[in-house]
Every structure is written in C-alpha cells, then in structure tokens.
PDB file of N, CA and C in Angstrom:
ATOM      1  N   MET A   1     -13.257  -6.675  -2.034  1.00  0.00           N
ATOM      2  CA  MET A   1     -12.297  -5.614  -2.161  1.00  0.00           C
ATOM      3  C   MET A   1     -12.553  -4.880  -3.458  1.00  0.00           C
ATOM      4  N   PRO A   2     -12.644  -3.558  -3.423  1.00  0.00           N
ATOM      5  CA  PRO A   2     -12.898  -2.821  -4.647  1.00  0.00           C
ATOM      6  C   PRO A   2     -11.733  -2.994  -5.617  1.00  0.00           C
ATOM      7  N   ALA A   3     -12.044  -2.976  -6.901  1.00  0.00           N
ATOM      8  CA  ALA A   3     -11.023  -3.133  -7.923  1.00  0.00           C
ATOM      9  C   ALA A   3     -10.398  -1.787  -8.249  1.00  0.00           C
ATOM     10  N   PHE A   4      -9.094  -1.729  -8.277  1.00  0.00           N
ATOM     11  CA  PHE A   4      -8.353  -0.526  -8.620  1.00  0.00           C
ATOM     12  C   PHE A   4      -7.419  -0.864  -9.774  1.00  0.00           C
ATOM     13  N   THR A   5      -7.251   0.061 -10.674  1.00  0.00           N
ATOM     14  CA  THR A   5      -6.290  -0.145 -11.746  1.00  0.00           C
ATOM     15  C   THR A   5      -4.884   0.086 -11.191  1.00  0.00           C
ATOM     16  N   SER A   6      -3.888  -0.399 -11.897  1.00  0.00           N
ATOM     17  CA  SER A   6      -2.507  -0.163 -11.484  1.00  0.00           C
ATOM     18  C   SER A   6      -2.204   1.333 -11.411  1.00  0.00           C
ATOM     19  N   GLU A   7      -2.743   2.081 -12.354  1.00  0.00           N
ATOM     20  CA  GLU A   7      -2.503   3.533 -12.358  1.00  0.00           C
ATOM     21  C   GLU A   7      -3.125   4.193 -11.131  1.00  0.00           C
ATOM     22  N   GLU A   8      -4.311   3.768 -10.729  1.00  0.00           N
ATOM     23  CA  GLU A   8      -4.951   4.332  -9.525  1.00  0.00           C
ATOM     24  C   GLU A   8      -4.119   4.009  -8.287  1.00  0.00           C
ATOM     25  N   VAL A   9      -3.606   2.809  -8.224  1.00  0.00           N
ATOM     26  CA  VAL A   9      -2.760   2.430  -7.088  1.00  0.00           C
ATOM     27  C   VAL A   9      -1.482   3.264  -7.079  1.00  0.00           C
ATOM     28  N   ARG A  10      -0.862   3.425  -8.221  1.00  0.00           N
ATOM     29  CA  ARG A  10       0.364   4.244  -8.301  1.00  0.00           C
ATOM     30  C   ARG A  10       0.102   5.675  -7.865  1.00  0.00           C
ATOM     31  N   ARG A  11      -1.005   6.261  -8.341  1.00  0.00           N
ATOM     32  CA  ARG A  11      -1.326   7.642  -7.949  1.00  0.00           C
ATOM     33  C   ARG A  11      -1.553   7.745  -6.452  1.00  0.00           C
ATOM     34  N   ALA A  12      -2.265   6.804  -5.865  1.00  0.00           N
ATOM     35  CA  ALA A  12      -2.525   6.822  -4.432  1.00  0.00           C
ATOM     36  C   ALA A  12      -1.223   6.688  -3.649  1.00  0.00           C
ATOM     37  N   LEU A  13      -0.339   5.818  -4.083  1.00  0.00           N
ATOM     38  CA  LEU A  13       0.931   5.643  -3.385  1.00  0.00           C
ATOM     39  C   LEU A  13       1.796   6.890  -3.488  1.00  0.00           C
ATOM     40  N   THR A  14       1.793   7.531  -4.636  1.00  0.00           N
ATOM     41  CA  THR A  14       2.545   8.777  -4.825  1.00  0.00           C
ATOM     42  C   THR A  14       1.998   9.869  -3.900  1.00  0.00           C
ATOM     43  N   ALA A  15       0.673   9.978  -3.848  1.00  0.00           N
ATOM     44  CA  ALA A  15       0.043  10.981  -2.985  1.00  0.00           C
ATOM     45  C   ALA A  15       0.368  10.726  -1.523  1.00  0.00           C
ATOM     46  N   LEU A  16       0.341   9.455  -1.117  1.00  0.00           N
ATOM     47  CA  LEU A  16       0.653   9.131   0.276  1.00  0.00           C
ATOM     48  C   LEU A  16       2.112   9.436   0.578  1.00  0.00           C
ATOM     49  N   GLN A  17       3.005   9.132  -0.350  1.00  0.00           N
ATOM     50  CA  GLN A  17       4.423   9.414  -0.116  1.00  0.00           C
ATOM     51  C   GLN A  17       4.649  10.909   0.031  1.00  0.00           C
ATOM     52  N   ASP A  18       3.957  11.716  -0.761  1.00  0.00           N
ATOM     53  CA  ASP A  18       4.063  13.170  -0.611  1.00  0.00           C
ATOM     54  C   ASP A  18       3.588  13.620   0.767  1.00  0.00           C
ATOM     55  N   LEU A  19       2.496  13.036   1.249  1.00  0.00           N
ATOM     56  CA  LEU A  19       2.017  13.376   2.575  1.00  0.00           C
ATOM     57  C   LEU A  19       3.036  12.993   3.639  1.00  0.00           C
ATOM     58  N   VAL A  20       3.593  11.814   3.521  1.00  0.00           N
ATOM     59  CA  VAL A  20       4.593  11.359   4.479  1.00  0.00           C
ATOM     60  C   VAL A  20       5.809  12.280   4.472  1.00  0.00           C
ATOM     61  N   ASP A  21       6.217  12.700   3.283  1.00  0.00           N
ATOM     62  CA  ASP A  21       7.432  13.525   3.163  1.00  0.00           C
ATOM     63  C   ASP A  21       7.229  14.982   3.562  1.00  0.00           C
ATOM     64  N   TYR A  22       6.035  15.546   3.310  1.00  0.00           N
ATOM     65  CA  TYR A  22       5.878  16.988   3.418  1.00  0.00           C
ATOM     66  C   TYR A  22       4.779  17.482   4.371  1.00  0.00           C
ATOM     67  N   ASP A  23       3.940  16.608   4.896  1.00  0.00           N
ATOM     68  CA  ASP A  23       2.806  17.068   5.695  1.00  0.00           C
ATOM     69  C   ASP A  23       2.918  16.592   7.135  1.00  0.00           C
ATOM     70  N   GLU A  24       3.345  17.513   8.008  1.00  0.00           N
ATOM     71  CA  GLU A  24       3.546  17.161   9.418  1.00  0.00           C
ATOM     72  C   GLU A  24       2.242  16.711  10.078  1.00  0.00           C
ATOM     73  N   GLU A  25       1.129  17.324   9.718  1.00  0.00           N
ATOM     74  CA  GLU A  25      -0.161  16.930  10.297  1.00  0.00           C
ATOM     75  C   GLU A  25      -0.482  15.478   9.959  1.00  0.00           C
ATOM     76  N   PHE A  26      -0.234  15.085   8.693  1.00  0.00           N
ATOM     77  CA  PHE A  26      -0.470  13.697   8.311  1.00  0.00           C
ATOM     78  C   PHE A  26       0.467  12.756   9.083  1.00  0.00           C
ATOM     79  N   ARG A  27       1.733  13.143   9.222  1.00  0.00           N
ATOM     80  CA  ARG A  27       2.680  12.286   9.948  1.00  0.00           C
ATOM     81  C   ARG A  27       2.245  12.083  11.395  1.00  0.00           C
ATOM     82  N   GLN A  28       1.765  13.152  12.024  1.00  0.00           N
ATOM     83  CA  GLN A  28       1.268  13.026  13.403  1.00  0.00           C
ATOM     84  C   GLN A  28       0.077  12.063  13.461  1.00  0.00           C
ATOM     85  N   ALA A  29      -0.851  12.218  12.511  1.00  0.00           N
ATOM     86  CA  ALA A  29      -2.023  11.330  12.462  1.00  0.00           C
ATOM     87  C   ALA A  29      -1.580   9.887  12.231  1.00  0.00           C
ATOM     88  N   ALA A  30      -0.605   9.688  11.362  1.00  0.00           N
ATOM     89  CA  ALA A  30      -0.121   8.331  11.068  1.00  0.00           C
ATOM     90  C   ALA A  30       0.555   7.714  12.281  1.00  0.00           C
ATOM     91  N   ARG A  31       1.218   8.526  13.076  1.00  0.00           N
ATOM     92  CA  ARG A  31       1.832   8.007  14.319  1.00  0.00           C
ATOM     93  C   ARG A  31       0.768   7.511  15.281  1.00  0.00           C
ATOM     94  N   GLN A  32      -0.381   8.176  15.300  1.00  0.00           N
ATOM     95  CA  GLN A  32      -1.467   7.779  16.193  1.00  0.00           C
ATOM     96  C   GLN A  32      -2.211   6.560  15.674  1.00  0.00           C
ATOM     97  N   ASP A  33      -2.567   6.561  14.376  1.00  0.00           N
ATOM     98  CA  ASP A  33      -3.332   5.469  13.773  1.00  0.00           C
ATOM     99  C   ASP A  33      -3.094   5.518  12.267  1.00  0.00           C
ATOM    100  N   ALA A  34      -2.108   4.759  11.819  1.00  0.00           N
ATOM    101  CA  ALA A  34      -1.691   4.812  10.414  1.00  0.00           C
ATOM    102  C   ALA A  34      -2.828   4.429   9.477  1.00  0.00           C
ATOM    103  N   ARG A  35      -3.581   3.409   9.812  1.00  0.00           N
ATOM    104  CA  ARG A  35      -4.680   2.972   8.953  1.00  0.00           C
ATOM    105  C   ARG A  35      -5.715   4.090   8.775  1.00  0.00           C
ATOM    106  N   LEU A  36      -6.119   4.699   9.888  1.00  0.00           N
ATOM    107  CA  LEU A  36      -7.111   5.766   9.835  1.00  0.00           C
ATOM    108  C   LEU A  36      -6.587   6.963   9.049  1.00  0.00           C
ATOM    109  N   ALA A  37      -5.319   7.312   9.254  1.00  0.00           N
ATOM    110  CA  ALA A  37      -4.725   8.435   8.515  1.00  0.00           C
ATOM    111  C   ALA A  37      -4.752   8.183   7.022  1.00  0.00           C
ATOM    112  N   VAL A  38      -4.418   6.978   6.601  1.00  0.00           N
ATOM    113  CA  VAL A  38      -4.446   6.630   5.178  1.00  0.00           C
ATOM    114  C   VAL A  38      -5.873   6.660   4.635  1.00  0.00           C
ATOM    115  N   GLU A  39      -6.799   6.095   5.381  1.00  0.00           N
ATOM    116  CA  GLU A  39      -8.196   6.105   4.937  1.00  0.00           C
ATOM    117  C   GLU A  39      -8.715   7.525   4.755  1.00  0.00           C
ATOM    118  N   GLN A  40      -8.415   8.390   5.714  1.00  0.00           N
ATOM    119  CA  GLN A  40      -8.874   9.774   5.603  1.00  0.00           C
ATOM    120  C   GLN A  40      -8.199  10.491   4.456  1.00  0.00           C
ATOM    121  N   ALA A  41      -6.910  10.239   4.239  1.00  0.00           N
ATOM    122  CA  ALA A  41      -6.186  10.904   3.145  1.00  0.00           C
ATOM    123  C   ALA A  41      -6.709  10.463   1.784  1.00  0.00           C
ATOM    124  N   LEU A  42      -7.062   9.188   1.659  1.00  0.00           N
ATOM    125  CA  LEU A  42      -7.540   8.656   0.387  1.00  0.00           C
ATOM    126  C   LEU A  42      -9.047   8.784   0.226  1.00  0.00           C
ATOM    127  N   GLY A  43      -9.742   9.035   1.314  1.00  0.00           N
ATOM    128  CA  GLY A  43     -11.195   9.154   1.259  1.00  0.00           C
ATOM    129  C   GLY A  43     -11.896   7.826   0.999  1.00  0.00           C
ATOM    130  N   LEU A  44     -11.355   6.761   1.553  1.00  0.00           N
ATOM    131  CA  LEU A  44     -11.987   5.447   1.381  1.00  0.00           C
ATOM    132  C   LEU A  44     -11.697   4.568   2.578  1.00  0.00           C
ATOM    133  N   THR A  45     -12.438   3.483   2.677  1.00  0.00           N
ATOM    134  CA  THR A  45     -12.217   2.506   3.728  1.00  0.00           C
ATOM    135  C   THR A  45     -11.393   1.371   3.170  1.00  0.00           C
ATOM    136  N   LEU A  46     -10.284   1.077   3.831  1.00  0.00           N
ATOM    137  CA  LEU A  46      -9.395   0.007   3.375  1.00  0.00           C
ATOM    138  C   LEU A  46      -9.982  -1.356   3.736  1.00  0.00           C
ATOM    139  N   PRO A  47      -9.757  -2.355   2.902  1.00  0.00           N
ATOM    140  CA  PRO A  47     -10.231  -3.691   3.228  1.00  0.00           C
ATOM    141  C   PRO A  47      -9.576  -4.212   4.502  1.00  0.00           C
ATOM    142  N   SER A  48     -10.302  -5.051   5.220  1.00  0.00           N
ATOM    143  CA  SER A  48      -9.795  -5.569   6.494  1.00  0.00           C
ATOM    144  C   SER A  48      -8.536  -6.412   6.312  1.00  0.00           C
ATOM    145  N   GLU A  49      -8.273  -6.890   5.103  1.00  0.00           N
ATOM    146  CA  GLU A  49      -7.093  -7.707   4.828  1.00  0.00           C
ATOM    147  C   GLU A  49      -5.808  -6.877   4.821  1.00  0.00           C
ATOM    148  N   LEU A  50      -5.928  -5.546   4.799  1.00  0.00           N
ATOM    149  CA  LEU A  50      -4.760  -4.673   4.788  1.00  0.00           C
ATOM    150  C   LEU A  50      -4.416  -4.203   6.204  1.00  0.00           C
ATOM    151  N   ASP A  51      -3.164  -4.398   6.569  1.00  0.00           N
ATOM    152  CA  ASP A  51      -2.637  -3.837   7.814  1.00  0.00           C
ATOM    153  C   ASP A  51      -1.722  -2.691   7.414  1.00  0.00           C
ATOM    154  N   VAL A  52      -1.927  -1.533   8.013  1.00  0.00           N
ATOM    155  CA  VAL A  52      -1.100  -0.355   7.712  1.00  0.00           C
ATOM    156  C   VAL A  52      -0.422   0.070   9.004  1.00  0.00           C
ATOM    157  N   ARG A  53       0.874   0.296   8.912  1.00  0.00           N
ATOM    158  CA  ARG A  53       1.616   0.797  10.074  1.00  0.00           C
ATOM    159  C   ARG A  53       2.664   1.785   9.589  1.00  0.00           C
ATOM    160  N   GLN A  54       3.066   2.656  10.476  1.00  0.00           N
ATOM    161  CA  GLN A  54       4.120   3.598  10.137  1.00  0.00           C
ATOM    162  C   GLN A  54       5.387   3.140  10.841  1.00  0.00           C
ATOM    163  N   GLU A  55       6.485   3.355  10.166  1.00  0.00           N
ATOM    164  CA  GLU A  55       7.791   3.036  10.725  1.00  0.00           C
ATOM    165  C   GLU A  55       8.701   4.251  10.520  1.00  0.00           C
ATOM    166  N   GLU A  56       9.572   4.473  11.477  1.00  0.00           N
ATOM    167  CA  GLU A  56      10.500   5.593  11.365  1.00  0.00           C
ATOM    168  C   GLU A  56      11.905   5.091  11.618  1.00  0.00           C
ATOM    169  N   ALA A  57      12.811   5.511  10.755  1.00  0.00           N
ATOM    170  CA  ALA A  57      14.218   5.167  10.892  1.00  0.00           C
ATOM    171  C   ALA A  57      15.038   6.316  10.318  1.00  0.00           C
ATOM    172  N   SER A  58      16.088   6.646  10.983  1.00  0.00           N
ATOM    173  CA  SER A  58      16.987   7.714  10.533  1.00  0.00           C
ATOM    174  C   SER A  58      16.225   9.017  10.263  1.00  0.00           C
ATOM    175  N   GLY A  59      15.215   9.295  11.078  1.00  0.00           N
ATOM    176  CA  GLY A  59      14.460  10.532  10.930  1.00  0.00           C
ATOM    177  C   GLY A  59      13.489  10.553   9.770  1.00  0.00           C
ATOM    178  N   ARG A  60      13.264   9.422   9.127  1.00  0.00           N
ATOM    179  CA  ARG A  60      12.339   9.384   7.976  1.00  0.00           C
ATOM    180  C   ARG A  60      11.221   8.392   8.251  1.00  0.00           C
ATOM    181  N   MET A  61      10.014   8.838   7.988  1.00  0.00           N
ATOM    182  CA  MET A  61       8.853   7.977   8.170  1.00  0.00           C
ATOM    183  C   MET A  61       8.524   7.277   6.867  1.00  0.00           C
ATOM    184  N   ARG A  62       8.017   6.056   6.995  1.00  0.00           N
ATOM    185  CA  ARG A  62       7.459   5.351   5.836  1.00  0.00           C
ATOM    186  C   ARG A  62       6.249   4.579   6.297  1.00  0.00           C
ATOM    187  N   LEU A  63       5.366   4.336   5.371  1.00  0.00           N
ATOM    188  CA  LEU A  63       4.192   3.534   5.656  1.00  0.00           C
ATOM    189  C   LEU A  63       4.439   2.123   5.142  1.00  0.00           C
ATOM    190  N   ALA A  64       4.104   1.151   5.941  1.00  0.00           N
ATOM    191  CA  ALA A  64       4.241  -0.249   5.554  1.00  0.00           C
ATOM    192  C   ALA A  64       2.842  -0.841   5.484  1.00  0.00           C
ATOM    193  N   VAL A  65       2.562  -1.571   4.423  1.00  0.00           N
ATOM    194  CA  VAL A  65       1.266  -2.194   4.242  1.00  0.00           C
ATOM    195  C   VAL A  65       1.468  -3.683   4.043  1.00  0.00           C
ATOM    196  N   ASP A  66       0.814  -4.456   4.871  1.00  0.00           N
ATOM    197  CA  ASP A  66       0.813  -5.912   4.726  1.00  0.00           C
ATOM    198  C   ASP A  66      -0.566  -6.336   4.298  1.00  0.00           C
ATOM    199  N   TRP A  67      -0.619  -7.182   3.301  1.00  0.00           N
ATOM    200  CA  TRP A  67      -1.910  -7.641   2.808  1.00  0.00           C
ATOM    201  C   TRP A  67      -2.001  -9.139   2.979  1.00  0.00           C
ATOM    202  N   ARG A  68      -3.018  -9.577   3.678  1.00  0.00           N
ATOM    203  CA  ARG A  68      -3.276 -10.989   3.902  1.00  0.00           C
ATOM    204  C   ARG A  68      -4.539 -11.375   3.122  1.00  0.00           C
ATOM    205  N   PRO A  69      -4.388 -11.756   1.861  1.00  0.00           N
ATOM    206  CA  PRO A  69      -5.569 -12.101   1.081  1.00  0.00           C
ATOM    207  C   PRO A  69      -6.273 -13.299   1.681  1.00  0.00           C
ATOM    208  N   THR A  70      -7.599 -13.293   1.593  1.00  0.00           N
ATOM    209  CA  THR A  70      -8.385 -14.404   2.127  1.00  0.00           C
ATOM    210  C   THR A  70      -8.668 -15.452   1.073  1.00  0.00           C
ATOM    211  N   GLU A  71      -8.326 -15.161  -0.182  1.00  0.00           N
ATOM    212  CA  GLU A  71      -8.508 -16.114  -1.270  1.00  0.00           C
ATOM    213  C   GLU A  71      -7.409 -15.920  -2.278  1.00  0.00           C
ATOM    214  N   GLU A  72      -7.240 -16.907  -3.160  1.00  0.00           N
ATOM    215  CA  GLU A  72      -6.203 -16.800  -4.177  1.00  0.00           C
ATOM    216  C   GLU A  72      -6.547 -15.700  -5.169  1.00  0.00           C
ATOM    217  N   LEU A  73      -5.536 -14.985  -5.602  1.00  0.00           N
ATOM    218  CA  LEU A  73      -5.747 -13.860  -6.509  1.00  0.00           C
ATOM    219  C   LEU A  73      -5.503 -14.274  -7.963  1.00  0.00           C
ATOM    220  N   SER A  74      -6.214 -13.601  -8.845  1.00  0.00           N
ATOM    221  CA  SER A  74      -5.969 -13.784 -10.277  1.00  0.00           C
ATOM    222  C   SER A  74      -4.721 -13.021 -10.652  1.00  0.00           C
ATOM    223  N   ASP A  75      -4.187 -13.260 -11.846  1.00  0.00           N
ATOM    224  CA  ASP A  75      -3.034 -12.510 -12.309  1.00  0.00           C
ATOM    225  C   ASP A  75      -3.320 -11.019 -12.365  1.00  0.00           C
ATOM    226  N   GLU A  76      -4.536 -10.656 -12.794  1.00  0.00           N
ATOM    227  CA  GLU A  76      -4.909  -9.249 -12.880  1.00  0.00           C
ATOM    228  C   GLU A  76      -4.912  -8.594 -11.491  1.00  0.00           C
ATOM    229  N   GLU A  77      -5.457  -9.308 -10.492  1.00  0.00           N
ATOM    230  CA  GLU A  77      -5.486  -8.767  -9.141  1.00  0.00           C
ATOM    231  C   GLU A  77      -4.065  -8.633  -8.587  1.00  0.00           C
ATOM    232  N   LEU A  78      -3.222  -9.600  -8.879  1.00  0.00           N
ATOM    233  CA  LEU A  78      -1.827  -9.499  -8.443  1.00  0.00           C
ATOM    234  C   LEU A  78      -1.136  -8.294  -9.041  1.00  0.00           C
ATOM    235  N   GLU A  79      -1.414  -8.001 -10.299  1.00  0.00           N
ATOM    236  CA  GLU A  79      -0.834  -6.840 -10.970  1.00  0.00           C
ATOM    237  C   GLU A  79      -1.237  -5.553 -10.249  1.00  0.00           C
ATOM    238  N   VAL A  80      -2.491  -5.458  -9.845  1.00  0.00           N
ATOM    239  CA  VAL A  80      -2.976  -4.268  -9.136  1.00  0.00           C
ATOM    240  C   VAL A  80      -2.327  -4.167  -7.763  1.00  0.00           C
ATOM    241  N   VAL A  81      -2.281  -5.271  -7.037  1.00  0.00           N
ATOM    242  CA  VAL A  81      -1.734  -5.274  -5.683  1.00  0.00           C
ATOM    243  C   VAL A  81      -0.273  -4.851  -5.690  1.00  0.00           C
ATOM    244  N   THR A  82       0.467  -5.275  -6.687  1.00  0.00           N
ATOM    245  CA  THR A  82       1.894  -4.951  -6.731  1.00  0.00           C
ATOM    246  C   THR A  82       2.150  -3.651  -7.450  1.00  0.00           C
ATOM    247  N   ALA A  83       1.106  -2.966  -7.874  1.00  0.00           N
ATOM    248  CA  ALA A  83       1.217  -1.674  -8.558  1.00  0.00           C
ATOM    249  C   ALA A  83       2.151  -1.751  -9.763  1.00  0.00           C
ATOM    250  N   GLY A  84       2.088  -2.899 -10.449  1.00  0.00           N
ATOM    251  CA  GLY A  84       2.893  -3.043 -11.650  1.00  0.00           C
ATOM    252  C   GLY A  84       4.351  -3.344 -11.378  1.00  0.00           C
ATOM    253  N   LEU A  85       4.708  -3.672 -10.146  1.00  0.00           N
ATOM    254  CA  LEU A  85       6.100  -3.929  -9.800  1.00  0.00           C
ATOM    255  C   LEU A  85       6.517  -5.373 -10.069  1.00  0.00           C
ATOM    256  N   MET A  86       5.591  -6.162 -10.609  1.00  0.00           N
ATOM    257  CA  MET A  86       5.855  -7.577 -10.816  1.00  0.00           C
ATOM    258  C   MET A  86       5.748  -7.915 -12.288  1.00  0.00           C
ATOM    259  N   ASP A  87       6.663  -8.684 -12.781  1.00  0.00           N
ATOM    260  CA  ASP A  87       6.637  -9.157 -14.162  1.00  0.00           C
ATOM    261  C   ASP A  87       5.556 -10.240 -14.274  1.00  0.00           C
ATOM    262  N   PRO A  88       4.632 -10.126 -15.229  1.00  0.00           N
ATOM    263  CA  PRO A  88       3.548 -11.114 -15.362  1.00  0.00           C
ATOM    264  C   PRO A  88       4.061 -12.535 -15.605  1.00  0.00           C
ATOM    265  N   SER A  89       5.283 -12.702 -16.073  1.00  0.00           N
ATOM    266  CA  SER A  89       5.798 -14.039 -16.327  1.00  0.00           C
ATOM    267  C   SER A  89       6.362 -14.686 -15.058  1.00  0.00           C
ATOM    268  N   THR A  90       6.313 -13.982 -13.934  1.00  0.00           N
ATOM    269  CA  THR A  90       6.833 -14.503 -12.679  1.00  0.00           C
ATOM    270  C   THR A  90       6.044 -15.740 -12.278  1.00  0.00           C
ATOM    271  N   SER A  91       6.743 -16.728 -11.704  1.00  0.00           N
ATOM    272  CA  SER A  91       6.091 -17.972 -11.291  1.00  0.00           C
ATOM    273  C   SER A  91       5.157 -17.732 -10.117  1.00  0.00           C
ATOM    274  N   ALA A  92       4.252 -18.669  -9.876  1.00  0.00           N
ATOM    275  CA  ALA A  92       3.288 -18.545  -8.767  1.00  0.00           C
ATOM    276  C   ALA A  92       4.020 -18.441  -7.439  1.00  0.00           C
ATOM    277  N   ARG A  93       5.091 -19.223  -7.275  1.00  0.00           N
ATOM    278  CA  ARG A  93       5.836 -19.159  -6.029  1.00  0.00           C
ATOM    279  C   ARG A  93       6.478 -17.798  -5.841  1.00  0.00           C
ATOM    280  N   GLU A  94       7.045 -17.244  -6.908  1.00  0.00           N
ATOM    281  CA  GLU A  94       7.664 -15.928  -6.820  1.00  0.00           C
ATOM    282  C   GLU A  94       6.618 -14.848  -6.579  1.00  0.00           C
ATOM    283  N   LYS A  95       5.391 -15.052  -7.077  1.00  0.00           N
ATOM    284  CA  LYS A  95       4.327 -14.068  -6.887  1.00  0.00           C
ATOM    285  C   LYS A  95       3.918 -13.972  -5.406  1.00  0.00           C
ATOM    286  N   SER A  96       4.166 -15.036  -4.638  1.00  0.00           N
ATOM    287  CA  SER A  96       3.757 -14.994  -3.238  1.00  0.00           C
ATOM    288  C   SER A  96       4.579 -14.011  -2.419  1.00  0.00           C
ATOM    289  N   VAL A  97       5.777 -13.674  -2.904  1.00  0.00           N
ATOM    290  CA  VAL A  97       6.606 -12.712  -2.229  1.00  0.00           C
ATOM    291  C   VAL A  97       7.122 -11.719  -3.274  1.00  0.00           C
ATOM    292  N   VAL A  98       6.643 -10.507  -3.204  1.00  0.00           N
ATOM    293  CA  VAL A  98       7.066  -9.481  -4.138  1.00  0.00           C
ATOM    294  C   VAL A  98       8.001  -8.543  -3.410  1.00  0.00           C
ATOM    295  N   GLN A  99       9.184  -8.395  -3.964  1.00  0.00           N
ATOM    296  CA  GLN A  99      10.168  -7.524  -3.336  1.00  0.00           C
ATOM    297  C   GLN A  99      10.503  -6.402  -4.288  1.00  0.00           C
ATOM    298  N   ARG A 100      10.658  -5.224  -3.755  1.00  0.00           N
ATOM    299  CA  ARG A 100      11.046  -4.070  -4.553  1.00  0.00           C
ATOM    300  C   ARG A 100      12.432  -3.662  -4.135  1.00  0.00           C
ATOM    301  N   THR A 101      13.312  -3.549  -5.101  1.00  0.00           N
ATOM    302  CA  THR A 101      14.679  -3.172  -4.778  1.00  0.00           C
ATOM    303  C   THR A 101      14.901  -1.698  -5.004  1.00  0.00           C
TER     304      THR A 101
END
C-alpha cells in the first residue's frame, strides 16, 4: 500500500466530499461503481484491502470505506489511516475500532 501523509489523506477526503456534495456526474458514477469513481477522481488505484461503497439517506450521499488490513499496522500507519482522527495514546484495542463523532 502506498504511504500517504495525514495531510494528503485529509486533502483527498475533502476533495471527495466536495464531489459528493456538488458534482452530480460524480454521484451518478459512484452509484454505479463507488470504488471506480473514487479511483478516477483521485487518479490512483486503491489497494485491494479497501472496500468503497456509496450510501444514501435523507437525500444525502456519503461514501463509506472499509479497510481490511492484511497485516498489523504500525502507529504511523494507523495515524495515516485514521487521517489524524485518533489520539496516539489510544490503546491497541481502541485502535482496532476508530469512531468519529
């Protein structure tokens, strides 16, 4: 899996959210194949461990990404995956499930 900094992940997520919110063409593509739409929007191939799907509720679309790592991650990799949403002092058990409120 290519290494991304937390800032690169944040920028990509912000760009994707803008597409979801404002670009009807992207939303249509995501309804057909969310993974492909994200790959084309970001200009990269996502690792096979990532599952991307679109969900719609109350007239609003969101992208959901599930990541099934094939090996244990380092603290640095966890920081990137969670886009900085996790406190580094979090226990290993807590790191297995990251929730954003």
